[in-house]
Structures are given as structure tokens and as C-alpha cells.
């Protein structure tokens, strides 16, 4: 599983990155994590509102900070 957090270094992006890392640790799963802050790469996902959450190439959330449980639910889906 590959999880990407899309966003620059704004407050919400930093918060989501920390929450995703907590969810990964809590899940016990092997996950490849990447923080994507290159605006061209973010735009390639057609995301206009950050932060964005991408799991295995699929954009699952944009523009909001999720909870640990919401991220875990996306990881289990």
C-alpha cells in the first residue's frame, strides 16, 4: 500500500501528515508513505484544494484534515 499526502507546508497539510503517520503506526501494516509538495505533481492528481490524501493512486480526500480513524477506514477499504 502506498499513501501520499498532497500539499505544501500549510498548517492543515502538516496536521494531516502527522495524522496519517499515526494511522500507519496504529494499523501495523507495511505502508510506503510519501509527502508530495511539488505543485505540478499535486495538480497531476487534479487536486485544487489541499491537503489531499491518496492511497494507491486514488484521491480519497481533499481540502480537509481527517481523523486517525477516518484514515484507518480508508486504509481498510
C-alpha atoms as a PDB file:
ATOM      1  CA  UNK A   1       0.000   0.000   0.000  1.00  0.00           C
ATOM      2  CA  UNK A   2       1.241   3.478  -0.887  1.00  0.00           C
ATOM      3  CA  UNK A   3      -0.122   6.550   0.885  1.00  0.00           C
ATOM      4  CA  UNK A   4       0.595  10.071  -0.279  1.00  0.00           C
ATOM      5  CA  UNK A   5      -0.260  13.332   1.442  1.00  0.00           C
ATOM      6  CA  UNK A   6      -0.545  16.125  -1.102  1.00  0.00           C
ATOM      7  CA  UNK A   7       0.169  19.655  -0.002  1.00  0.00           C
ATOM      8  CA  UNK A   8       2.598  22.417   0.638  1.00  0.00           C
ATOM      9  CA  UNK A   9       3.735  23.180   4.150  1.00  0.00           C
ATOM     10  CA  UNK A  10       0.483  24.802   5.247  1.00  0.00           C
ATOM     11  CA  UNK A  11      -0.900  24.125   8.725  1.00  0.00           C
ATOM     12  CA  UNK A  12      -3.597  21.677   7.527  1.00  0.00           C
ATOM     13  CA  UNK A  13      -1.097  19.777   5.377  1.00  0.00           C
ATOM     14  CA  UNK A  14       1.301  19.366   8.288  1.00  0.00           C
ATOM     15  CA  UNK A  15      -1.575  18.222  10.537  1.00  0.00           C
ATOM     16  CA  UNK A  16      -2.770  15.631   8.015  1.00  0.00           C
ATOM     17  CA  UNK A  17       0.760  14.316   7.534  1.00  0.00           C
ATOM     18  CA  UNK A  18       1.087  13.746  11.304  1.00  0.00           C
ATOM     19  CA  UNK A  19      -2.345  12.086  11.492  1.00  0.00           C
ATOM     20  CA  UNK A  20      -1.555   9.766   8.577  1.00  0.00           C
ATOM     21  CA  UNK A  21       1.708   8.745  10.230  1.00  0.00           C
ATOM     22  CA  UNK A  22      -0.214   7.989  13.449  1.00  0.00           C
ATOM     23  CA  UNK A  23      -2.726   5.900  11.493  1.00  0.00           C
ATOM     24  CA  UNK A  24       0.050   3.957   9.765  1.00  0.00           C
ATOM     25  CA  UNK A  25       1.683   3.181  13.113  1.00  0.00           C
ATOM     26  CA  UNK A  26      -1.660   2.169  14.619  1.00  0.00           C
ATOM     27  CA  UNK A  27      -2.559  -0.072  11.662  1.00  0.00           C
ATOM     28  CA  UNK A  28       0.554  -2.235  11.914  1.00  0.00           C
ATOM     29  CA  UNK A  29       0.546  -2.540   8.123  1.00  0.00           C
ATOM     30  CA  UNK A  30       3.529  -2.133   5.840  1.00  0.00           C
ATOM     31  CA  UNK A  31       2.916   1.156   4.071  1.00  0.00           C
ATOM     32  CA  UNK A  32       5.019   3.218   1.719  1.00  0.00           C
ATOM     33  CA  UNK A  33       4.468   6.864   2.739  1.00  0.00           C
ATOM     34  CA  UNK A  34       5.287   9.952   0.714  1.00  0.00           C
ATOM     35  CA  UNK A  35       4.669  13.663   1.300  1.00  0.00           C
ATOM     36  CA  UNK A  36       4.128  15.349  -2.074  1.00  0.00           C
ATOM     37  CA  UNK A  37       4.752  19.094  -2.047  1.00  0.00           C
ATOM     38  CA  UNK A  38       5.571  19.667  -5.720  1.00  0.00           C
ATOM     39  CA  UNK A  39       2.685  21.732  -7.073  1.00  0.00           C
ATOM     40  CA  UNK A  40       2.897  20.175 -10.554  1.00  0.00           C
ATOM     41  CA  UNK A  41       2.693  16.677  -9.101  1.00  0.00           C
ATOM     42  CA  UNK A  42      -0.263  17.719  -6.922  1.00  0.00           C
ATOM     43  CA  UNK A  43      -2.011  19.165  -9.980  1.00  0.00           C
ATOM     44  CA  UNK A  44      -1.457  15.892 -11.856  1.00  0.00           C
ATOM     45  CA  UNK A  45      -3.962  14.362  -9.399  1.00  0.00           C
ATOM     46  CA  UNK A  46      -6.417  17.161 -10.320  1.00  0.00           C
ATOM     47  CA  UNK A  47      -6.431  18.317  -6.694  1.00  0.00           C
ATOM     48  CA  UNK A  48      -7.200  22.015  -6.284  1.00  0.00           C
ATOM     49  CA  UNK A  49      -7.663  22.086  -2.507  1.00  0.00           C
ATOM     50  CA  UNK A  50      -5.004  20.755  -0.168  1.00  0.00           C
ATOM     51  CA  UNK A  51      -4.310  18.750   1.833  1.00  0.00           C
ATOM     52  CA  UNK A  52      -5.067  15.692  -0.239  1.00  0.00           C
ATOM     53  CA  UNK A  53      -4.952  12.032   0.704  1.00  0.00           C
ATOM     54  CA  UNK A  54      -4.059   9.496  -1.981  1.00  0.00           C
ATOM     55  CA  UNK A  55      -3.981   5.759  -1.373  1.00  0.00           C
ATOM     56  CA  UNK A  56      -2.646   3.508  -4.117  1.00  0.00           C
ATOM     57  CA  UNK A  57      -3.069   6.260  -6.709  1.00  0.00           C
ATOM     58  CA  UNK A  58      -6.690   7.082  -5.815  1.00  0.00           C
ATOM     59  CA  UNK A  59      -7.568  10.509  -4.397  1.00  0.00           C
ATOM     60  CA  UNK A  60      -9.763   9.855  -1.360  1.00  0.00           C
ATOM     61  CA  UNK A  61      -9.931  13.236   0.353  1.00  0.00           C
ATOM     62  CA  UNK A  62      -9.128  16.865  -0.428  1.00  0.00           C
ATOM     63  CA  UNK A  63      -9.277  20.106   1.461  1.00  0.00           C
ATOM     64  CA  UNK A  64      -9.692  18.836   4.997  1.00  0.00           C
ATOM     65  CA  UNK A  65      -7.843  17.324   7.910  1.00  0.00           C
ATOM     66  CA  UNK A  66      -9.074  13.799   8.610  1.00  0.00           C
ATOM     67  CA  UNK A  67      -9.074  11.972  11.932  1.00  0.00           C
ATOM     68  CA  UNK A  68      -6.887   8.951  12.606  1.00  0.00           C
ATOM     69  CA  UNK A  69      -9.988   6.737  12.463  1.00  0.00           C
ATOM     70  CA  UNK A  70     -11.044   8.172   9.085  1.00  0.00           C
ATOM     71  CA  UNK A  71      -7.591   7.446   7.655  1.00  0.00           C
ATOM     72  CA  UNK A  72      -7.686   3.920   9.104  1.00  0.00           C
ATOM     73  CA  UNK A  73     -11.082   3.368   7.472  1.00  0.00           C
ATOM     74  CA  UNK A  74      -9.663   4.433   4.091  1.00  0.00           C
ATOM     75  CA  UNK A  75      -6.716   2.084   4.628  1.00  0.00           C
ATOM     76  CA  UNK A  76      -9.048  -0.848   5.310  1.00  0.00           C
ATOM     77  CA  UNK A  77     -11.398  -0.156   2.389  1.00  0.00           C
END
